[in-house]
All heavy atoms as atom14 arrays in JSON, in Angstrom:
{
  "sequence": "VKDILKRPLNKNESFKEIKLIIPLNTSINQKQGNIVDLRTGYGI",
  "atom14_mask": [
    [1, 1, 1, 1, 1, 1, 1, 0, 0, 0, 0, 0, 0, 0],
    [1, 1, 1, 1, 1, 1, 1, 1, 1, 0, 0, 0, 0, 0],
    [1, 1, 1, 1, 1, 1, 1, 1, 0, 0, 0, 0, 0, 0],
    [1, 1, 1, 1, 1, 1, 1, 1, 0, 0, 0, 0, 0, 0],
    [1, 1, 1, 1, 1, 1, 1, 1, 0, 0, 0, 0, 0, 0],
    [1, 1, 1, 1, 1, 1, 1, 1, 1, 0, 0, 0, 0, 0],
    [1, 1, 1, 1, 1, 1, 1, 1, 1, 1, 1, 0, 0, 0],
    [1, 1, 1, 1, 1, 1, 1, 0, 0, 0, 0, 0, 0, 0],
    [1, 1, 1, 1, 1, 1, 1, 1, 0, 0, 0, 0, 0, 0],
    [1, 1, 1, 1, 1, 1, 1, 1, 0, 0, 0, 0, 0, 0],
    [1, 1, 1, 1, 1, 1, 1, 1, 1, 0, 0, 0, 0, 0],
    [1, 1, 1, 1, 1, 1, 1, 1, 0, 0, 0, 0, 0, 0],
    [1, 1, 1, 1, 1, 1, 1, 1, 1, 0, 0, 0, 0, 0],
    [1, 1, 1, 1, 1, 1, 0, 0, 0, 0, 0, 0, 0, 0],
    [1, 1, 1, 1, 1, 1, 1, 1, 1, 1, 1, 0, 0, 0],
    [1, 1, 1, 1, 1, 1, 1, 1, 1, 0, 0, 0, 0, 0],
    [1, 1, 1, 1, 1, 1, 1, 1, 1, 0, 0, 0, 0, 0],
    [1, 1, 1, 1, 1, 1, 1, 1, 0, 0, 0, 0, 0, 0],
    [1, 1, 1, 1, 1, 1, 1, 1, 1, 0, 0, 0, 0, 0],
    [1, 1, 1, 1, 1, 1, 1, 1, 0, 0, 0, 0, 0, 0],
    [1, 1, 1, 1, 1, 1, 1, 1, 0, 0, 0, 0, 0, 0],
    [1, 1, 1, 1, 1, 1, 1, 1, 0, 0, 0, 0, 0, 0],
    [1, 1, 1, 1, 1, 1, 1, 0, 0, 0, 0, 0, 0, 0],
    [1, 1, 1, 1, 1, 1, 1, 1, 0, 0, 0, 0, 0, 0],
    [1, 1, 1, 1, 1, 1, 1, 1, 0, 0, 0, 0, 0, 0],
    [1, 1, 1, 1, 1, 1, 1, 0, 0, 0, 0, 0, 0, 0],
    [1, 1, 1, 1, 1, 1, 0, 0, 0, 0, 0, 0, 0, 0],
    [1, 1, 1, 1, 1, 1, 1, 1, 0, 0, 0, 0, 0, 0],
    [1, 1, 1, 1, 1, 1, 1, 1, 0, 0, 0, 0, 0, 0],
    [1, 1, 1, 1, 1, 1, 1, 1, 1, 0, 0, 0, 0, 0],
    [1, 1, 1, 1, 1, 1, 1, 1, 1, 0, 0, 0, 0, 0],
    [1, 1, 1, 1, 1, 1, 1, 1, 1, 0, 0, 0, 0, 0],
    [1, 1, 1, 1, 0, 0, 0, 0, 0, 0, 0, 0, 0, 0],
    [1, 1, 1, 1, 1, 1, 1, 1, 0, 0, 0, 0, 0, 0],
    [1, 1, 1, 1, 1, 1, 1, 1, 0, 0, 0, 0, 0, 0],
    [1, 1, 1, 1, 1, 1, 1, 0, 0, 0, 0, 0, 0, 0],
    [1, 1, 1, 1, 1, 1, 1, 1, 0, 0, 0, 0, 0, 0],
    [1, 1, 1, 1, 1, 1, 1, 1, 0, 0, 0, 0, 0, 0],
    [1, 1, 1, 1, 1, 1, 1, 1, 1, 1, 1, 0, 0, 0],
    [1, 1, 1, 1, 1, 1, 1, 0, 0, 0, 0, 0, 0, 0],
    [1, 1, 1, 1, 0, 0, 0, 0, 0, 0, 0, 0, 0, 0],
    [1, 1, 1, 1, 1, 1, 1, 1, 1, 1, 1, 1, 0, 0],
    [1, 1, 1, 1, 0, 0, 0, 0, 0, 0, 0, 0, 0, 0],
    [1, 1, 1, 1, 1, 1, 1, 1, 0, 0, 0, 0, 0, 0]
  ],
  "atom14_positions": [
    [[-33.17, -2.76, 17.45], [-32.32, -2.75, 16.25], [-31.44, -1.51, 16.25], [-30.23, -1.6, 16.01], [-33.16, -2.84, 14.96], [-32.29, -2.58, 13.72], [-33.84, -4.2, 14.85], [0.0, 0.0, 0.0], [0.0, 0.0, 0.0], [0.0, 0.0, 0.0], [0.0, 0.0, 0.0], [0.0, 0.0, 0.0], [0.0, 0.0, 0.0], [0.0, 0.0, 0.0]],
    [[-32.03, -0.35, 16.53], [-31.24, 0.9, 16.57], [-30.12, 0.8, 17.61], [-29.0, 1.23, 17.35], [-32.14, 2.09, 16.93], [-33.06, 2.54, 15.84], [-33.86, 3.75, 16.34], [-35.08, 4.0, 15.51], [-35.93, 5.06, 16.07], [0.0, 0.0, 0.0], [0.0, 0.0, 0.0], [0.0, 0.0, 0.0], [0.0, 0.0, 0.0], [0.0, 0.0, 0.0]],
    [[-30.43, 0.25, 18.77], [-29.44, 0.12, 19.84], [-28.34, -0.88, 19.45], [-27.16, -0.63, 19.67], [-30.13, -0.32, 21.13], [-29.17, -0.35, 22.3], [-28.45, 0.66, 22.52], [-29.11, -1.38, 22.99], [0.0, 0.0, 0.0], [0.0, 0.0, 0.0], [0.0, 0.0, 0.0], [0.0, 0.0, 0.0], [0.0, 0.0, 0.0], [0.0, 0.0, 0.0]],
    [[-28.72, -2.0, 18.89], [-27.75, -3.03, 18.5], [-26.78, -2.51, 17.44], [-25.6, -2.86, 17.43], [-28.47, -4.31, 18.03], [-29.22, -4.97, 19.19], [-27.48, -5.31, 17.42], [-30.17, -6.07, 18.77], [0.0, 0.0, 0.0], [0.0, 0.0, 0.0], [0.0, 0.0, 0.0], [0.0, 0.0, 0.0], [0.0, 0.0, 0.0], [0.0, 0.0, 0.0]],
    [[-27.27, -1.64, 16.56], [-26.4, -1.06, 15.53], [-25.2, -0.31, 16.11], [-24.16, -0.23, 15.47], [-27.2, -0.1, 14.63], [-27.9, -0.73, 13.44], [-28.86, 0.27, 12.81], [-26.88, -1.23, 12.43], [0.0, 0.0, 0.0], [0.0, 0.0, 0.0], [0.0, 0.0, 0.0], [0.0, 0.0, 0.0], [0.0, 0.0, 0.0], [0.0, 0.0, 0.0]],
    [[-25.34, 0.2, 17.32], [-24.27, 0.97, 17.96], [-23.24, 0.06, 18.63], [-22.18, 0.53, 19.03], [-24.86, 1.91, 19.02], [-25.85, 2.91, 18.47], [-26.51, 3.67, 19.61], [-27.7, 4.47, 19.12], [-28.5, 5.01, 20.22], [0.0, 0.0, 0.0], [0.0, 0.0, 0.0], [0.0, 0.0, 0.0], [0.0, 0.0, 0.0], [0.0, 0.0, 0.0]],
    [[-23.55, -1.21, 18.77], [-22.67, -2.13, 19.51], [-21.61, -2.76, 18.6], [-21.85, -2.97, 17.42], [-23.5, -3.26, 20.14], [-24.58, -2.77, 21.07], [-25.36, -3.94, 21.61], [-26.66, -3.5, 22.11], [-27.64, -4.3, 22.42], [-27.49, -5.61, 22.29], [-28.78, -3.83, 22.86], [0.0, 0.0, 0.0], [0.0, 0.0, 0.0], [0.0, 0.0, 0.0]],
    [[-20.46, -3.07, 19.19], [-19.43, -3.75, 18.39], [-19.82, -5.21, 18.1], [-20.56, -5.82, 18.86], [-18.19, -3.7, 19.3], [-18.75, -3.6, 20.68], [-20.04, -2.83, 20.57], [0.0, 0.0, 0.0], [0.0, 0.0, 0.0], [0.0, 0.0, 0.0], [0.0, 0.0, 0.0], [0.0, 0.0, 0.0], [0.0, 0.0, 0.0], [0.0, 0.0, 0.0]],
    [[-19.33, -5.72, 16.99], [-19.5, -7.14, 16.66], [-18.28, -7.87, 17.21], [-17.24, -7.92, 16.55], [-19.59, -7.35, 15.15], [-20.99, -7.36, 14.56], [-21.58, -5.98, 14.51], [-20.98, -8.0, 13.21], [0.0, 0.0, 0.0], [0.0, 0.0, 0.0], [0.0, 0.0, 0.0], [0.0, 0.0, 0.0], [0.0, 0.0, 0.0], [0.0, 0.0, 0.0]],
    [[-18.4, -8.39, 18.41], [-17.24, -9.04, 19.02], [-17.61, -10.26, 19.87], [-16.79, -10.74, 20.64], [-16.45, -8.04, 19.86], [-17.26, -7.46, 21.0], [-18.4, -7.82, 21.23], [-16.65, -6.53, 21.71], [0.0, 0.0, 0.0], [0.0, 0.0, 0.0], [0.0, 0.0, 0.0], [0.0, 0.0, 0.0], [0.0, 0.0, 0.0], [0.0, 0.0, 0.0]],
    [[-18.84, -10.73, 19.73], [-19.25, -11.9, 20.51], [-19.24, -13.14, 19.61], [-19.84, -13.15, 18.54], [-20.65, -11.69, 21.08], [-21.09, -12.86, 21.94], [-22.44, -12.63, 22.56], [-22.82, -13.83, 23.41], [-24.2, -13.77, 23.84], [0.0, 0.0, 0.0], [0.0, 0.0, 0.0], [0.0, 0.0, 0.0], [0.0, 0.0, 0.0], [0.0, 0.0, 0.0]],
    [[-18.55, -14.17, 20.06], [-18.52, -15.43, 19.33], [-19.6, -16.34, 19.87], [-19.72, -16.52, 21.08], [-17.15, -16.11, 19.48], [-16.05, -15.31, 18.84], [-16.13, -15.0, 17.65], [-15.05, -14.94, 19.6], [0.0, 0.0, 0.0], [0.0, 0.0, 0.0], [0.0, 0.0, 0.0], [0.0, 0.0, 0.0], [0.0, 0.0, 0.0], [0.0, 0.0, 0.0]],
    [[-20.38, -16.91, 18.96], [-21.44, -17.82, 19.37], [-21.63, -18.89, 18.3], [-21.47, -18.63, 17.11], [-22.75, -17.07, 19.59], [-23.8, -17.96, 20.2], [-24.85, -17.2, 20.99], [-24.59, -16.09, 21.47], [-25.94, -17.75, 21.13], [0.0, 0.0, 0.0], [0.0, 0.0, 0.0], [0.0, 0.0, 0.0], [0.0, 0.0, 0.0], [0.0, 0.0, 0.0]],
    [[-21.98, -20.08, 18.74], [-22.23, -21.19, 17.81], [-23.71, -21.37, 17.59], [-24.52, -21.18, 18.49], [-21.66, -22.5, 18.38], [-20.27, -22.42, 18.47], [0.0, 0.0, 0.0], [0.0, 0.0, 0.0], [0.0, 0.0, 0.0], [0.0, 0.0, 0.0], [0.0, 0.0, 0.0], [0.0, 0.0, 0.0], [0.0, 0.0, 0.0], [0.0, 0.0, 0.0]],
    [[-24.03, -21.76, 16.36], [-25.38, -22.16, 16.02], [-25.25, -23.41, 15.15], [-24.7, -23.36, 14.06], [-26.12, -21.06, 15.26], [-27.48, -21.49, 14.79], [-28.51, -21.72, 15.7], [-27.74, -21.67, 13.45], [-29.75, -22.13, 15.26], [-28.99, -22.07, 13.01], [-30.0, -22.3, 13.91], [0.0, 0.0, 0.0], [0.0, 0.0, 0.0], [0.0, 0.0, 0.0]],
    [[-25.69, -24.51, 15.69], [-25.53, -25.82, 15.04], [-24.04, -26.03, 14.73], [-23.24, -26.04, 15.65], [-26.43, -25.95, 13.83], [-27.91, -25.9, 14.2], [-28.8, -26.16, 13.02], [-30.26, -26.06, 13.46], [-31.17, -26.35, 12.38], [0.0, 0.0, 0.0], [0.0, 0.0, 0.0], [0.0, 0.0, 0.0], [0.0, 0.0, 0.0], [0.0, 0.0, 0.0]],
    [[-23.67, -26.12, 13.46], [-22.27, -26.41, 13.1], [-21.43, -25.16, 12.82], [-20.25, -25.28, 12.53], [-22.23, -27.27, 11.83], [-22.89, -28.61, 11.96], [-22.91, -29.35, 10.64], [-21.82, -29.69, 10.14], [-24.0, -29.56, 10.09], [0.0, 0.0, 0.0], [0.0, 0.0, 0.0], [0.0, 0.0, 0.0], [0.0, 0.0, 0.0], [0.0, 0.0, 0.0]],
    [[-22.04, -24.0, 12.87], [-21.32, -22.79, 12.46], [-20.99, -21.91, 13.67], [-21.79, -21.79, 14.59], [-22.12, -22.0, 11.39], [-21.3, -20.87, 10.8], [-23.44, -21.5, 11.95], [-21.93, -20.24, 9.57], [0.0, 0.0, 0.0], [0.0, 0.0, 0.0], [0.0, 0.0, 0.0], [0.0, 0.0, 0.0], [0.0, 0.0, 0.0], [0.0, 0.0, 0.0]],
    [[-19.82, -21.32, 13.64], [-19.41, -20.35, 14.66], [-19.58, -18.97, 14.03], [-19.12, -18.72, 12.92], [-17.98, -20.6, 15.08], [-17.8, -21.95, 15.77], [-16.49, -22.04, 16.5], [-16.23, -23.38, 17.12], [-17.31, -24.09, 17.72], [0.0, 0.0, 0.0], [0.0, 0.0, 0.0], [0.0, 0.0, 0.0], [0.0, 0.0, 0.0], [0.0, 0.0, 0.0]],
    [[-20.22, -18.08, 14.77], [-20.55, -16.76, 14.24], [-20.06, -15.65, 15.15], [-19.94, -15.84, 16.36], [-22.08, -16.64, 14.08], [-22.7, -17.62, 13.09], [-24.18, -17.77, 13.36], [-22.45, -17.15, 11.67], [0.0, 0.0, 0.0], [0.0, 0.0, 0.0], [0.0, 0.0, 0.0], [0.0, 0.0, 0.0], [0.0, 0.0, 0.0], [0.0, 0.0, 0.0]],
    [[-19.83, -14.51, 14.55], [-19.51, -13.29, 15.29], [-20.77, -12.43, 15.21], [-21.23, -12.1, 14.12], [-18.3, -12.55, 14.68], [-17.08, -13.46, 14.66], [-18.03, -11.26, 15.45], [-15.93, -12.93, 13.82], [0.0, 0.0, 0.0], [0.0, 0.0, 0.0], [0.0, 0.0, 0.0], [0.0, 0.0, 0.0], [0.0, 0.0, 0.0], [0.0, 0.0, 0.0]],
    [[-21.3, -12.08, 16.39], [-22.53, -11.3, 16.45], [-22.32, -10.1, 17.38], [-21.32, -10.04, 18.09], [-23.72, -12.18, 16.9], [-23.47, -12.81, 18.29], [-24.01, -13.26, 15.87], [-24.65, -13.59, 18.84], [0.0, 0.0, 0.0], [0.0, 0.0, 0.0], [0.0, 0.0, 0.0], [0.0, 0.0, 0.0], [0.0, 0.0, 0.0], [0.0, 0.0, 0.0]],
    [[-23.27, -9.16, 17.39], [-23.11, -7.98, 18.25], [-23.08, -8.31, 19.74], [-23.68, -9.28, 20.2], [-24.34, -7.13, 17.91], [-24.75, -7.58, 16.55], [-24.44, -9.05, 16.51], [0.0, 0.0, 0.0], [0.0, 0.0, 0.0], [0.0, 0.0, 0.0], [0.0, 0.0, 0.0], [0.0, 0.0, 0.0], [0.0, 0.0, 0.0], [0.0, 0.0, 0.0]],
    [[-22.39, -7.46, 20.47], [-22.32, -7.54, 21.93], [-23.72, -7.52, 22.53], [-24.61, -6.83, 22.03], [-21.51, -6.35, 22.45], [-21.22, -6.28, 23.94], [-20.29, -7.43, 24.34], [-20.58, -4.95, 24.28], [0.0, 0.0, 0.0], [0.0, 0.0, 0.0], [0.0, 0.0, 0.0], [0.0, 0.0, 0.0], [0.0, 0.0, 0.0], [0.0, 0.0, 0.0]],
    [[-23.94, -8.3, 23.58], [-25.22, -8.39, 24.29], [-26.37, -8.89, 23.41], [-27.51, -8.46, 23.54], [-25.61, -7.06, 24.93], [-24.72, -6.74, 26.11], [-24.42, -7.61, 26.91], [-24.27, -5.51, 26.19], [0.0, 0.0, 0.0], [0.0, 0.0, 0.0], [0.0, 0.0, 0.0], [0.0, 0.0, 0.0], [0.0, 0.0, 0.0], [0.0, 0.0, 0.0]],
    [[-26.02, -9.81, 22.48], [-27.03, -10.52, 21.71], [-26.7, -12.0, 21.81], [-25.62, -12.38, 22.25], [-27.06, -10.11, 20.23], [-25.82, -10.44, 19.6], [-27.36, -8.63, 20.06], [0.0, 0.0, 0.0], [0.0, 0.0, 0.0], [0.0, 0.0, 0.0], [0.0, 0.0, 0.0], [0.0, 0.0, 0.0], [0.0, 0.0, 0.0], [0.0, 0.0, 0.0]],
    [[-27.65, -12.82, 21.42], [-27.41, -14.26, 21.33], [-28.21, -14.78, 20.15], [-28.92, -14.03, 19.48], [-27.82, -14.97, 22.63], [-29.21, -14.94, 22.78], [0.0, 0.0, 0.0], [0.0, 0.0, 0.0], [0.0, 0.0, 0.0], [0.0, 0.0, 0.0], [0.0, 0.0, 0.0], [0.0, 0.0, 0.0], [0.0, 0.0, 0.0], [0.0, 0.0, 0.0]],
    [[-28.11, -16.09, 19.92], [-28.85, -16.7, 18.84], [-29.9, -17.63, 19.44], [-29.58, -18.48, 20.26], [-27.92, -17.48, 17.89], [-26.91, -16.51, 17.26], [-28.73, -18.2, 16.81], [-25.84, -17.17, 16.44], [0.0, 0.0, 0.0], [0.0, 0.0, 0.0], [0.0, 0.0, 0.0], [0.0, 0.0, 0.0], [0.0, 0.0, 0.0], [0.0, 0.0, 0.0]],
    [[-31.14, -17.43, 19.04], [-32.23, -18.3, 19.45], [-31.95, -19.67, 18.82], [-32.01, -19.83, 17.6], [-33.56, -17.72, 18.94], [-34.75, -18.56, 19.28], [-34.69, -19.77, 19.4], [-35.89, -17.89, 19.41], [0.0, 0.0, 0.0], [0.0, 0.0, 0.0], [0.0, 0.0, 0.0], [0.0, 0.0, 0.0], [0.0, 0.0, 0.0], [0.0, 0.0, 0.0]],
    [[-31.61, -20.64, 19.63], [-31.18, -21.94, 19.12], [-32.3, -22.73, 18.45], [-32.04, -23.62, 17.65], [-30.53, -22.77, 20.23], [-29.23, -22.19, 20.76], [-28.13, -22.12, 19.7], [-27.9, -23.06, 18.96], [-27.45, -20.98, 19.64], [0.0, 0.0, 0.0], [0.0, 0.0, 0.0], [0.0, 0.0, 0.0], [0.0, 0.0, 0.0], [0.0, 0.0, 0.0]],
    [[-33.55, -22.4, 18.73], [-34.67, -23.07, 18.06], [-34.9, -22.53, 16.66], [-35.14, -23.27, 15.72], [-35.97, -22.89, 18.86], [-36.11, -23.78, 20.06], [-37.49, -23.58, 20.66], [-37.72, -24.48, 21.84], [-39.06, -24.26, 22.42], [0.0, 0.0, 0.0], [0.0, 0.0, 0.0], [0.0, 0.0, 0.0], [0.0, 0.0, 0.0], [0.0, 0.0, 0.0]],
    [[-34.85, -21.19, 16.54], [-35.2, -20.56, 15.27], [-34.02, -20.02, 14.48], [-34.14, -19.77, 13.29], [-36.17, -19.41, 15.54], [-37.46, -19.86, 16.15], [-38.35, -18.68, 16.46], [-38.44, -17.73, 15.68], [-39.0, -18.72, 17.59], [0.0, 0.0, 0.0], [0.0, 0.0, 0.0], [0.0, 0.0, 0.0], [0.0, 0.0, 0.0], [0.0, 0.0, 0.0]],
    [[-32.91, -19.77, 15.16], [-31.73, -19.27, 14.47], [-31.66, -17.77, 14.33], [-30.78, -17.25, 13.65], [0.0, 0.0, 0.0], [0.0, 0.0, 0.0], [0.0, 0.0, 0.0], [0.0, 0.0, 0.0], [0.0, 0.0, 0.0], [0.0, 0.0, 0.0], [0.0, 0.0, 0.0], [0.0, 0.0, 0.0], [0.0, 0.0, 0.0], [0.0, 0.0, 0.0]],
    [[-32.57, -17.04, 14.97], [-32.53, -15.59, 14.85], [-31.74, -14.95, 15.99], [-31.52, -15.56, 17.02], [-33.96, -15.01, 14.83], [-34.7, -15.23, 16.13], [-35.03, -16.35, 16.47], [-34.98, -14.15, 16.84], [0.0, 0.0, 0.0], [0.0, 0.0, 0.0], [0.0, 0.0, 0.0], [0.0, 0.0, 0.0], [0.0, 0.0, 0.0], [0.0, 0.0, 0.0]],
    [[-31.35, -13.72, 15.77], [-30.63, -12.96, 16.79], [-31.63, -12.46, 17.83], [-32.74, -12.04, 17.49], [-29.86, -11.79, 16.15], [-28.72, -12.37, 15.3], [-29.33, -10.82, 17.2], [-27.86, -11.36, 14.63], [0.0, 0.0, 0.0], [0.0, 0.0, 0.0], [0.0, 0.0, 0.0], [0.0, 0.0, 0.0], [0.0, 0.0, 0.0], [0.0, 0.0, 0.0]],
    [[-31.22, -12.5, 19.09], [-32.04, -12.01, 20.19], [-31.23, -10.97, 20.96], [-30.06, -11.21, 21.29], [-32.46, -13.16, 21.14], [-33.26, -12.62, 22.32], [-33.25, -14.22, 20.39], [0.0, 0.0, 0.0], [0.0, 0.0, 0.0], [0.0, 0.0, 0.0], [0.0, 0.0, 0.0], [0.0, 0.0, 0.0], [0.0, 0.0, 0.0], [0.0, 0.0, 0.0]],
    [[-31.84, -9.82, 21.22], [-31.21, -8.78, 22.03], [-31.31, -9.19, 23.5], [-32.42, -9.35, 24.03], [-31.91, -7.44, 21.8], [-31.32, -6.32, 22.63], [-30.12, -6.4, 22.98], [-32.06, -5.37, 22.93], [0.0, 0.0, 0.0], [0.0, 0.0, 0.0], [0.0, 0.0, 0.0], [0.0, 0.0, 0.0], [0.0, 0.0, 0.0], [0.0, 0.0, 0.0]],
    [[-30.17, -9.37, 24.15], [-30.18, -9.81, 25.55], [-30.62, -8.71, 26.51], [-31.08, -8.99, 27.61], [-28.8, -10.33, 25.95], [-28.36, -11.62, 25.24], [-26.95, -11.99, 25.65], [-29.34, -12.76, 25.52], [0.0, 0.0, 0.0], [0.0, 0.0, 0.0], [0.0, 0.0, 0.0], [0.0, 0.0, 0.0], [0.0, 0.0, 0.0], [0.0, 0.0, 0.0]],
    [[-30.51, -7.46, 26.1], [-30.92, -6.36, 26.97], [-32.44, -6.27, 27.09], [-32.98, -5.93, 28.14], [-30.37, -5.03, 26.46], [-28.86, -4.92, 26.62], [-28.37, -3.58, 26.13], [-26.91, -3.5, 26.23], [-26.18, -2.55, 25.69], [-26.76, -1.59, 25.0], [-24.88, -2.56, 25.83], [0.0, 0.0, 0.0], [0.0, 0.0, 0.0], [0.0, 0.0, 0.0]],
    [[-33.13, -6.54, 25.99], [-34.59, -6.38, 25.98], [-35.34, -7.7, 25.83], [-36.52, -7.78, 26.15], [-35.03, -5.48, 24.81], [-34.66, -6.11, 23.57], [-34.4, -4.1, 24.9], [0.0, 0.0, 0.0], [0.0, 0.0, 0.0], [0.0, 0.0, 0.0], [0.0, 0.0, 0.0], [0.0, 0.0, 0.0], [0.0, 0.0, 0.0], [0.0, 0.0, 0.0]],
    [[-34.67, -8.71, 25.29], [-35.32, -9.99, 25.05], [-36.03, -10.06, 23.7], [-36.64, -11.08, 23.38], [0.0, 0.0, 0.0], [0.0, 0.0, 0.0], [0.0, 0.0, 0.0], [0.0, 0.0, 0.0], [0.0, 0.0, 0.0], [0.0, 0.0, 0.0], [0.0, 0.0, 0.0], [0.0, 0.0, 0.0], [0.0, 0.0, 0.0], [0.0, 0.0, 0.0]],
    [[-35.94, -9.0, 22.9], [-36.64, -8.99, 21.62], [-35.89, -9.78, 20.55], [-34.67, -9.7, 20.44], [-36.84, -7.56, 21.1], [-37.89, -6.8, 21.86], [-37.57, -5.65, 22.56], [-39.21, -7.24, 21.87], [-38.54, -4.95, 23.27], [-40.19, -6.54, 22.58], [-39.84, -5.41, 23.27], [-40.8, -4.73, 23.97], [0.0, 0.0, 0.0], [0.0, 0.0, 0.0]],
    [[-36.66, -10.53, 19.76], [-36.11, -11.23, 18.61], [-35.92, -10.26, 17.47], [-36.79, -9.42, 17.2], [0.0, 0.0, 0.0], [0.0, 0.0, 0.0], [0.0, 0.0, 0.0], [0.0, 0.0, 0.0], [0.0, 0.0, 0.0], [0.0, 0.0, 0.0], [0.0, 0.0, 0.0], [0.0, 0.0, 0.0], [0.0, 0.0, 0.0], [0.0, 0.0, 0.0]],
    [[-34.79, -10.36, 16.81], [-34.45, -9.47, 15.7], [-34.64, -10.26, 14.4], [-34.24, -11.43, 14.33], [-32.98, -8.98, 15.83], [-32.75, -8.35, 17.22], [-32.6, -8.03, 14.71], [-33.64, -7.17, 17.55], [0.0, 0.0, 0.0], [0.0, 0.0, 0.0], [0.0, 0.0, 0.0], [0.0, 0.0, 0.0], [0.0, 0.0, 0.0], [0.0, 0.0, 0.0]]
  ]
}
């Protein structure tokens, strides 16, 4: 979380019907809908 706070919000990603802007090097867990840090694999 501390590391992600330093990253820009510039990644576009879809979750179901919505398009979202999320932090760089993160993604959305498509099963649960939570943010996942791609650098560490931790669910946020």
